[in-house]
């Protein structure tokens, strides 16, 4: 019988806690003195690198009319922007905070891309994608990152991924 993921991760967790307590005792420290590591928060650059990847994959999926993949990528972009707002609401030297710029410049264009995907309309998708791209570039300008411009991809940097839709 195969163990469930929850059972395996629970067992691993118990093992790690037990090992930590044993290590604390061996070092002469009380278990309370062993603090858990701080939660990992990715930097804004890391999140935006993922956004750039999603932006590229969104175009390639839409261009190939793989509407399922395009819908997935636009949802991932939305989640990434939510992460920026939650984890980096302000940023050094930015006259406009990301928490203010993203809702004003990116959320509506994302909705337009979603609508074009739902209609499976290539022309509407291309127009909405270009509007989203302009929104990204305007957001970069507003936050003092105007030197970082995005565009439609000129080539596929993911040769190991098939962008054409699955034939059903």
N, C-alpha and C. Protein backbone atom coordinates (compact mmCIF):
# COMPACT_ATOMS: atom_id res chain seq x y z
N UNK A 1 0.84 -1.17 0.00
CA UNK A 1 0.00 0.00 0.00
C UNK A 1 0.89 1.24 0.00
N UNK A 2 0.54 2.23 -0.78
CA UNK A 2 1.34 3.43 -0.91
C UNK A 2 0.98 4.44 0.17
N UNK A 3 1.98 5.07 0.78
CA UNK A 3 1.73 6.07 1.82
C UNK A 3 1.25 7.37 1.18
N UNK A 4 0.35 8.04 1.88
CA UNK A 4 -0.12 9.33 1.35
C UNK A 4 0.95 10.38 1.57
N UNK A 5 0.87 11.48 0.80
CA UNK A 5 1.82 12.57 0.96
C UNK A 5 1.72 13.15 2.37
N UNK A 6 0.51 13.29 2.87
CA UNK A 6 0.32 13.85 4.19
C UNK A 6 0.99 12.97 5.24
N UNK A 7 0.83 11.67 5.13
CA UNK A 7 1.45 10.75 6.08
C UNK A 7 2.96 10.81 6.02
N UNK A 8 3.50 10.86 4.82
CA UNK A 8 4.95 10.92 4.66
C UNK A 8 5.48 12.24 5.19
N UNK A 9 4.84 13.35 4.82
CA UNK A 9 5.34 14.65 5.29
C UNK A 9 5.18 14.77 6.79
N UNK A 10 4.14 14.21 7.36
CA UNK A 10 3.96 14.23 8.81
C UNK A 10 5.06 13.45 9.50
N UNK A 11 5.39 12.30 8.96
CA UNK A 11 6.45 11.47 9.54
C UNK A 11 7.79 12.18 9.44
N UNK A 12 8.03 12.84 8.31
CA UNK A 12 9.28 13.58 8.14
C UNK A 12 9.33 14.72 9.14
N UNK A 13 8.22 15.41 9.33
CA UNK A 13 8.17 16.51 10.28
C UNK A 13 8.46 16.06 11.70
N UNK A 14 7.85 14.96 12.12
CA UNK A 14 8.09 14.42 13.46
C UNK A 14 9.56 14.03 13.61
N UNK A 15 10.12 13.43 12.58
CA UNK A 15 11.52 13.03 12.62
C UNK A 15 12.43 14.25 12.75
N UNK A 16 12.14 15.31 12.00
CA UNK A 16 12.96 16.52 12.06
C UNK A 16 12.86 17.19 13.42
N UNK A 17 11.65 17.26 13.98
CA UNK A 17 11.48 17.87 15.30
C UNK A 17 12.25 17.06 16.34
N UNK A 18 12.12 15.74 16.28
CA UNK A 18 12.82 14.88 17.22
C UNK A 18 14.33 15.05 17.09
N UNK A 19 14.81 15.11 15.87
CA UNK A 19 16.25 15.29 15.63
C UNK A 19 16.71 16.64 16.17
N UNK A 20 15.90 17.67 15.98
CA UNK A 20 16.23 19.00 16.49
C UNK A 20 16.31 19.03 18.00
N UNK A 21 15.37 18.36 18.65
CA UNK A 21 15.39 18.29 20.11
C UNK A 21 16.61 17.54 20.61
N UNK A 22 16.95 16.45 19.93
CA UNK A 22 18.13 15.67 20.31
C UNK A 22 19.40 16.50 20.12
N UNK A 23 19.47 17.24 19.03
CA UNK A 23 20.64 18.08 18.77
C UNK A 23 20.75 19.17 19.82
N UNK A 24 19.62 19.78 20.17
CA UNK A 24 19.63 20.83 21.20
C UNK A 24 20.12 20.26 22.53
N UNK A 25 19.66 19.08 22.89
CA UNK A 25 20.09 18.44 24.14
C UNK A 25 21.58 18.13 24.10
N UNK A 26 22.06 17.64 22.96
CA UNK A 26 23.47 17.29 22.83
C UNK A 26 24.36 18.53 22.92
N UNK A 27 23.85 19.67 22.48
CA UNK A 27 24.62 20.91 22.54
C UNK A 27 24.48 21.61 23.88
N UNK A 28 23.71 21.04 24.78
CA UNK A 28 23.52 21.64 26.09
C UNK A 28 22.51 22.77 26.11
N UNK A 29 21.68 22.89 25.10
CA UNK A 29 20.67 23.94 25.05
C UNK A 29 19.31 23.34 25.32
N UNK A 30 18.46 24.15 25.85
CA UNK A 30 17.09 23.69 26.03
C UNK A 30 16.39 23.73 24.68
N UNK A 31 15.40 22.86 24.48
CA UNK A 31 14.69 22.86 23.19
C UNK A 31 14.08 24.22 22.87
N UNK A 32 13.71 24.99 23.86
CA UNK A 32 13.11 26.31 23.60
C UNK A 32 14.13 27.28 23.01
N UNK A 33 15.42 27.03 23.24
CA UNK A 33 16.46 27.93 22.74
C UNK A 33 16.72 27.74 21.25
N UNK A 34 16.23 26.67 20.67
CA UNK A 34 16.43 26.41 19.25
C UNK A 34 15.26 27.04 18.50
N UNK A 35 15.54 28.15 17.83
CA UNK A 35 14.49 28.87 17.11
C UNK A 35 14.38 28.33 15.69
N UNK A 36 13.16 28.27 15.17
CA UNK A 36 13.02 27.85 13.77
C UNK A 36 13.59 28.93 12.86
N UNK A 37 14.04 28.56 11.69
CA UNK A 37 14.56 29.57 10.77
C UNK A 37 13.43 30.51 10.34
N UNK A 38 13.78 31.74 9.99
CA UNK A 38 12.73 32.67 9.54
C UNK A 38 12.11 32.17 8.23
N UNK A 39 10.86 32.55 8.02
CA UNK A 39 10.17 32.17 6.79
C UNK A 39 10.87 32.81 5.60
N UNK A 40 10.98 32.07 4.52
CA UNK A 40 11.61 32.59 3.30
C UNK A 40 10.67 33.54 2.58
N UNK A 41 11.17 34.70 2.25
CA UNK A 41 10.43 35.67 1.45
C UNK A 41 11.29 35.97 0.23
N UNK A 42 10.82 35.59 -0.95
CA UNK A 42 11.62 35.88 -2.15
C UNK A 42 11.72 37.38 -2.37
N UNK A 43 12.85 37.79 -2.90
CA UNK A 43 13.04 39.20 -3.21
C UNK A 43 12.18 39.61 -4.39
N UNK A 44 12.01 40.91 -4.53
CA UNK A 44 11.21 41.43 -5.65
C UNK A 44 11.81 40.99 -6.99
N UNK A 45 13.12 40.99 -7.08
CA UNK A 45 13.77 40.55 -8.32
C UNK A 45 13.47 39.11 -8.67
N UNK A 46 13.44 38.25 -7.66
CA UNK A 46 13.12 36.84 -7.91
C UNK A 46 11.68 36.69 -8.39
N UNK A 47 10.77 37.39 -7.74
CA UNK A 47 9.37 37.30 -8.17
C UNK A 47 9.21 37.84 -9.58
N UNK A 48 9.86 38.95 -9.88
CA UNK A 48 9.71 39.55 -11.20
C UNK A 48 10.37 38.70 -12.29
N UNK A 49 11.42 37.97 -11.94
CA UNK A 49 12.01 37.04 -12.92
C UNK A 49 11.00 35.96 -13.29
N UNK A 50 10.27 35.47 -12.30
CA UNK A 50 9.22 34.49 -12.59
C UNK A 50 8.11 35.13 -13.42
N UNK A 51 7.79 36.39 -13.13
CA UNK A 51 6.77 37.09 -13.90
C UNK A 51 7.18 37.22 -15.37
N UNK A 52 8.46 37.50 -15.59
CA UNK A 52 8.95 37.61 -16.96
C UNK A 52 8.79 36.27 -17.68
N UNK A 53 9.10 35.18 -17.00
CA UNK A 53 8.94 33.86 -17.60
C UNK A 53 7.47 33.62 -17.94
N UNK A 54 6.58 33.94 -17.01
CA UNK A 54 5.14 33.72 -17.24
C UNK A 54 4.62 34.58 -18.38
N UNK A 55 5.11 35.82 -18.45
CA UNK A 55 4.73 36.73 -19.53
C UNK A 55 5.12 36.13 -20.88
N UNK A 56 6.32 35.58 -20.95
CA UNK A 56 6.79 34.93 -22.19
C UNK A 56 5.95 33.72 -22.53
N UNK A 57 5.74 32.85 -21.55
CA UNK A 57 4.96 31.63 -21.79
C UNK A 57 3.52 31.96 -22.16
N UNK A 58 2.99 33.01 -21.58
CA UNK A 58 1.62 33.44 -21.93
C UNK A 58 1.54 33.77 -23.41
N UNK A 59 2.50 34.53 -23.90
CA UNK A 59 2.49 34.88 -25.33
C UNK A 59 2.62 33.63 -26.20
N UNK A 60 3.56 32.77 -25.87
CA UNK A 60 3.79 31.57 -26.68
C UNK A 60 2.56 30.66 -26.68
N UNK A 61 1.90 30.55 -25.55
CA UNK A 61 0.68 29.74 -25.48
C UNK A 61 -0.44 30.36 -26.31
N UNK A 62 -0.63 31.67 -26.19
CA UNK A 62 -1.68 32.34 -26.96
C UNK A 62 -1.41 32.30 -28.45
N UNK A 63 -0.16 32.50 -28.81
CA UNK A 63 0.22 32.46 -30.23
C UNK A 63 -0.06 31.07 -30.81
N UNK A 64 0.15 30.04 -30.00
CA UNK A 64 -0.09 28.66 -30.45
C UNK A 64 -1.57 28.26 -30.29
N UNK A 65 -2.35 29.18 -29.76
CA UNK A 65 -3.79 28.92 -29.50
C UNK A 65 -3.99 27.76 -28.53
N UNK A 66 -3.08 27.66 -27.60
CA UNK A 66 -3.22 26.69 -26.52
C UNK A 66 -3.89 27.44 -25.36
N UNK A 67 -5.20 27.55 -25.45
CA UNK A 67 -5.96 28.39 -24.53
C UNK A 67 -5.92 27.86 -23.10
N UNK A 68 -5.81 26.55 -22.93
CA UNK A 68 -5.69 26.00 -21.57
C UNK A 68 -4.39 26.46 -20.91
N UNK A 69 -3.30 26.37 -21.65
CA UNK A 69 -2.01 26.82 -21.12
C UNK A 69 -2.01 28.33 -20.92
N UNK A 70 -2.58 29.07 -21.84
CA UNK A 70 -2.65 30.53 -21.70
C UNK A 70 -3.44 30.92 -20.45
N UNK A 71 -4.56 30.22 -20.20
CA UNK A 71 -5.35 30.49 -19.00
C UNK A 71 -4.54 30.21 -17.74
N UNK A 72 -3.78 29.14 -17.77
CA UNK A 72 -2.92 28.79 -16.63
C UNK A 72 -1.88 29.89 -16.40
N UNK A 73 -1.22 30.32 -17.45
CA UNK A 73 -0.16 31.32 -17.31
C UNK A 73 -0.70 32.67 -16.86
N UNK A 74 -1.87 33.07 -17.34
CA UNK A 74 -2.42 34.36 -16.90
C UNK A 74 -2.81 34.28 -15.44
N UNK A 75 -3.30 33.14 -14.98
CA UNK A 75 -3.59 32.97 -13.55
C UNK A 75 -2.29 33.03 -12.73
N UNK A 76 -1.24 32.41 -13.22
CA UNK A 76 0.04 32.46 -12.52
C UNK A 76 0.57 33.89 -12.45
N UNK A 77 0.41 34.65 -13.53
CA UNK A 77 0.82 36.05 -13.51
C UNK A 77 0.05 36.82 -12.44
N UNK A 78 -1.25 36.58 -12.38
CA UNK A 78 -2.07 37.25 -11.37
C UNK A 78 -1.60 36.91 -9.96
N UNK A 79 -1.30 35.64 -9.72
CA UNK A 79 -0.80 35.24 -8.40
C UNK A 79 0.55 35.88 -8.11
N UNK A 80 1.38 35.99 -9.12
CA UNK A 80 2.68 36.63 -8.93
C UNK A 80 2.54 38.10 -8.56
N UNK A 81 1.60 38.80 -9.21
CA UNK A 81 1.37 40.20 -8.87
C UNK A 81 0.80 40.32 -7.46
N UNK A 82 -0.05 39.39 -7.08
CA UNK A 82 -0.55 39.36 -5.70
C UNK A 82 0.61 39.19 -4.72
N UNK A 83 1.58 38.34 -5.07
CA UNK A 83 2.74 38.13 -4.22
C UNK A 83 3.57 39.41 -4.08
N UNK A 84 3.74 40.13 -5.17
CA UNK A 84 4.50 41.39 -5.11
C UNK A 84 3.82 42.35 -4.14
N UNK A 85 2.51 42.52 -4.28
CA UNK A 85 1.77 43.44 -3.43
C UNK A 85 1.85 43.01 -1.96
N UNK A 86 1.73 41.71 -1.70
CA UNK A 86 1.76 41.22 -0.33
C UNK A 86 3.16 41.24 0.28
N UNK A 87 4.16 40.85 -0.49
CA UNK A 87 5.51 40.70 0.06
C UNK A 87 6.39 41.92 -0.10
N UNK A 88 6.08 42.76 -1.09
CA UNK A 88 6.89 43.95 -1.36
C UNK A 88 5.97 45.13 -1.66
N UNK A 89 5.13 45.52 -0.70
CA UNK A 89 4.18 46.61 -0.96
C UNK A 89 4.86 47.93 -1.28
N UNK A 90 6.07 48.12 -0.75
CA UNK A 90 6.87 49.29 -1.08
C UNK A 90 8.23 48.80 -1.54
N UNK A 91 8.97 49.69 -2.19
CA UNK A 91 10.31 49.31 -2.64
C UNK A 91 11.19 50.54 -2.57
N UNK A 92 12.44 50.31 -2.19
CA UNK A 92 13.37 51.43 -2.03
C UNK A 92 13.43 52.29 -3.30
N UNK A 93 13.51 53.56 -3.09
CA UNK A 93 13.67 54.54 -4.17
C UNK A 93 12.53 54.56 -5.18
N UNK A 94 11.40 53.93 -4.87
CA UNK A 94 10.26 53.97 -5.79
C UNK A 94 9.31 55.07 -5.36
N UNK A 95 9.08 56.06 -6.22
CA UNK A 95 8.15 57.13 -5.85
C UNK A 95 6.70 56.64 -5.79
N UNK A 96 6.42 55.56 -6.49
CA UNK A 96 5.10 54.93 -6.45
C UNK A 96 5.31 53.52 -5.92
N UNK A 97 4.59 53.18 -4.87
CA UNK A 97 4.74 51.85 -4.27
C UNK A 97 4.14 50.79 -5.17
N UNK A 98 4.76 49.61 -5.23
CA UNK A 98 4.18 48.51 -6.02
C UNK A 98 2.73 48.20 -5.63
N UNK A 99 2.40 48.34 -4.34
CA UNK A 99 1.02 48.07 -3.90
C UNK A 99 0.02 49.03 -4.52
N UNK A 100 0.49 50.19 -4.97
CA UNK A 100 -0.38 51.17 -5.64
C UNK A 100 -0.29 51.05 -7.16
N UNK A 101 0.91 50.82 -7.67
CA UNK A 101 1.12 50.79 -9.12
C UNK A 101 0.48 49.57 -9.77
N UNK A 102 0.64 48.41 -9.17
CA UNK A 102 0.13 47.18 -9.80
C UNK A 102 -1.38 47.21 -9.98
N UNK A 103 -2.16 47.54 -8.95
CA UNK A 103 -3.61 47.59 -9.18
C UNK A 103 -4.02 48.61 -10.24
N UNK A 104 -3.32 49.74 -10.32
CA UNK A 104 -3.69 50.78 -11.28
C UNK A 104 -3.27 50.45 -12.71
N UNK A 105 -2.17 49.72 -12.88
CA UNK A 105 -1.60 49.57 -14.21
C UNK A 105 -1.65 48.17 -14.79
N UNK A 106 -1.90 47.16 -13.97
CA UNK A 106 -1.75 45.79 -14.45
C UNK A 106 -3.03 44.96 -14.31
N UNK A 107 -3.83 45.21 -13.30
CA UNK A 107 -4.97 44.34 -13.02
C UNK A 107 -6.00 44.36 -14.15
N UNK A 108 -6.35 45.52 -14.66
CA UNK A 108 -7.33 45.59 -15.76
C UNK A 108 -6.80 44.94 -17.04
N UNK A 109 -5.55 45.20 -17.45
CA UNK A 109 -5.02 44.49 -18.61
C UNK A 109 -5.01 42.97 -18.44
N UNK A 110 -4.73 42.50 -17.22
CA UNK A 110 -4.79 41.05 -16.98
C UNK A 110 -6.20 40.53 -17.22
N UNK A 111 -7.20 41.28 -16.76
CA UNK A 111 -8.59 40.87 -16.96
C UNK A 111 -8.93 40.83 -18.46
N UNK A 112 -8.39 41.77 -19.23
CA UNK A 112 -8.63 41.78 -20.68
C UNK A 112 -8.00 40.55 -21.34
N UNK A 113 -6.81 40.17 -20.88
CA UNK A 113 -6.17 38.97 -21.42
C UNK A 113 -7.02 37.74 -21.09
N UNK A 114 -7.49 37.66 -19.85
CA UNK A 114 -8.35 36.53 -19.45
C UNK A 114 -9.60 36.45 -20.34
N UNK A 115 -10.21 37.60 -20.58
CA UNK A 115 -11.43 37.62 -21.40
C UNK A 115 -11.14 37.14 -22.82
N UNK A 116 -10.02 37.57 -23.39
CA UNK A 116 -9.66 37.13 -24.75
C UNK A 116 -9.39 35.63 -24.78
N UNK A 117 -8.77 35.12 -23.72
CA UNK A 117 -8.50 33.68 -23.64
C UNK A 117 -9.82 32.92 -23.56
N UNK A 118 -10.73 33.40 -22.73
CA UNK A 118 -12.03 32.72 -22.60
C UNK A 118 -12.79 32.70 -23.92
N UNK A 119 -12.65 33.77 -24.72
CA UNK A 119 -13.31 33.82 -26.04
C UNK A 119 -12.54 33.02 -27.08
N UNK A 120 -11.30 32.66 -26.75
CA UNK A 120 -10.41 31.97 -27.69
C UNK A 120 -10.24 32.79 -28.97
N UNK A 121 -10.01 34.07 -28.75
CA UNK A 121 -9.94 35.05 -29.84
C UNK A 121 -8.49 35.51 -30.01
N UNK A 122 -7.79 35.01 -31.04
CA UNK A 122 -6.37 35.35 -31.21
C UNK A 122 -6.12 36.85 -31.37
N UNK A 123 -6.95 37.55 -32.13
CA UNK A 123 -6.74 38.99 -32.33
C UNK A 123 -6.94 39.76 -31.02
N UNK A 124 -8.00 39.42 -30.29
CA UNK A 124 -8.24 40.08 -29.00
C UNK A 124 -7.12 39.74 -28.01
N UNK A 125 -6.63 38.50 -28.07
CA UNK A 125 -5.54 38.10 -27.19
C UNK A 125 -4.29 38.94 -27.47
N UNK A 126 -3.92 39.09 -28.75
CA UNK A 126 -2.72 39.85 -29.10
C UNK A 126 -2.85 41.30 -28.63
N UNK A 127 -4.01 41.88 -28.84
CA UNK A 127 -4.23 43.27 -28.42
C UNK A 127 -4.16 43.38 -26.89
N UNK A 128 -4.80 42.47 -26.19
CA UNK A 128 -4.80 42.51 -24.72
C UNK A 128 -3.40 42.24 -24.17
N UNK A 129 -2.67 41.34 -24.81
CA UNK A 129 -1.30 41.05 -24.38
C UNK A 129 -0.43 42.30 -24.52
N UNK A 130 -0.58 43.00 -25.65
CA UNK A 130 0.19 44.23 -25.85
C UNK A 130 -0.20 45.30 -24.82
N UNK A 131 -1.47 45.36 -24.46
CA UNK A 131 -1.91 46.30 -23.43
C UNK A 131 -1.32 45.92 -22.08
N UNK A 132 -1.29 44.64 -21.77
CA UNK A 132 -0.66 44.17 -20.54
C UNK A 132 0.82 44.51 -20.53
N UNK A 133 1.49 44.29 -21.63
CA UNK A 133 2.91 44.59 -21.74
C UNK A 133 3.16 46.08 -21.50
N UNK A 134 2.32 46.92 -22.09
CA UNK A 134 2.45 48.38 -21.87
C UNK A 134 2.21 48.70 -20.39
N UNK A 135 1.26 48.03 -19.77
CA UNK A 135 1.01 48.23 -18.34
C UNK A 135 2.23 47.86 -17.50
N UNK A 136 2.87 46.76 -17.84
CA UNK A 136 4.09 46.34 -17.14
C UNK A 136 5.17 47.41 -17.29
N UNK A 137 5.36 47.88 -18.52
CA UNK A 137 6.39 48.88 -18.76
C UNK A 137 6.06 50.21 -18.06
N UNK A 138 4.79 50.58 -18.03
CA UNK A 138 4.39 51.80 -17.32
C UNK A 138 4.61 51.65 -15.81
N UNK A 139 4.34 50.47 -15.29
CA UNK A 139 4.58 50.20 -13.87
C UNK A 139 6.08 50.30 -13.57
N UNK A 140 6.89 49.76 -14.45
CA UNK A 140 8.34 49.85 -14.27
C UNK A 140 8.78 51.31 -14.26
N UNK A 141 8.25 52.12 -15.17
CA UNK A 141 8.60 53.55 -15.21
C UNK A 141 8.19 54.24 -13.92
N UNK A 142 6.97 53.98 -13.47
CA UNK A 142 6.44 54.65 -12.28
C UNK A 142 7.22 54.31 -11.02
N UNK A 143 7.82 53.13 -10.99
CA UNK A 143 8.54 52.68 -9.79
C UNK A 143 10.06 52.83 -9.94
N UNK A 144 10.49 53.61 -10.91
CA UNK A 144 11.92 53.86 -11.18
C UNK A 144 12.67 52.66 -11.72
N UNK A 145 11.95 51.77 -12.42
CA UNK A 145 12.58 50.64 -13.08
C UNK A 145 12.33 50.70 -14.59
N UNK A 146 12.20 51.92 -15.11
CA UNK A 146 11.91 52.11 -16.52
C UNK A 146 12.96 51.52 -17.45
N UNK A 147 14.14 51.27 -16.93
CA UNK A 147 15.21 50.65 -17.72
C UNK A 147 14.89 49.19 -18.01
N UNK A 148 13.92 48.62 -17.30
CA UNK A 148 13.54 47.22 -17.46
C UNK A 148 12.26 47.17 -18.29
N UNK A 149 12.42 46.95 -19.59
CA UNK A 149 11.28 46.93 -20.51
C UNK A 149 11.02 45.52 -21.01
N UNK A 150 9.76 45.18 -21.12
CA UNK A 150 9.39 43.87 -21.65
C UNK A 150 8.68 44.05 -22.99
N UNK A 151 8.64 42.99 -23.76
CA UNK A 151 8.02 43.01 -25.08
C UNK A 151 7.51 41.62 -25.42
N UNK A 152 6.87 41.52 -26.56
CA UNK A 152 6.52 40.19 -27.07
C UNK A 152 7.81 39.42 -27.29
N UNK A 153 7.84 38.14 -26.94
CA UNK A 153 9.07 37.39 -27.20
C UNK A 153 9.30 37.22 -28.70
N UNK A 154 10.56 37.35 -29.10
CA UNK A 154 10.92 37.18 -30.50
C UNK A 154 11.25 35.73 -30.83
N UNK A 155 11.51 34.94 -29.79
CA UNK A 155 11.82 33.53 -29.99
C UNK A 155 11.38 32.76 -28.75
N UNK A 156 11.42 31.45 -28.85
CA UNK A 156 11.02 30.59 -27.75
C UNK A 156 12.24 30.18 -26.93
N UNK A 157 12.36 30.70 -25.70
CA UNK A 157 13.49 30.29 -24.87
C UNK A 157 13.25 28.96 -24.15
N UNK A 158 12.12 28.33 -24.41
CA UNK A 158 11.76 27.07 -23.76
C UNK A 158 11.62 25.96 -24.80
N UNK A 159 12.73 25.52 -25.39
CA UNK A 159 12.64 24.51 -26.44
C UNK A 159 12.18 23.14 -25.94
N UNK A 160 12.16 22.96 -24.64
CA UNK A 160 11.73 21.68 -24.09
C UNK A 160 10.25 21.66 -23.72
N UNK A 161 9.53 22.72 -24.04
CA UNK A 161 8.09 22.75 -23.77
C UNK A 161 7.32 22.86 -25.08
N UNK A 162 6.28 22.09 -25.19
CA UNK A 162 5.40 22.12 -26.36
C UNK A 162 4.29 23.12 -26.06
N UNK A 163 4.15 24.11 -26.91
CA UNK A 163 3.14 25.14 -26.69
C UNK A 163 1.86 24.88 -27.48
N UNK A 164 1.92 24.04 -28.50
CA UNK A 164 0.73 23.73 -29.25
C UNK A 164 -0.24 22.99 -28.34
N UNK A 165 -1.54 23.21 -28.54
CA UNK A 165 -2.53 22.53 -27.68
C UNK A 165 -2.55 21.02 -27.91
N UNK A 166 -2.96 20.34 -26.87
CA UNK A 166 -3.12 18.88 -26.95
C UNK A 166 -4.36 18.60 -27.80
N UNK A 167 -4.25 17.70 -28.73
CA UNK A 167 -5.39 17.32 -29.55
C UNK A 167 -6.24 16.35 -28.73
N UNK A 168 -7.50 16.71 -28.57
CA UNK A 168 -8.38 15.89 -27.73
C UNK A 168 -9.25 14.99 -28.55
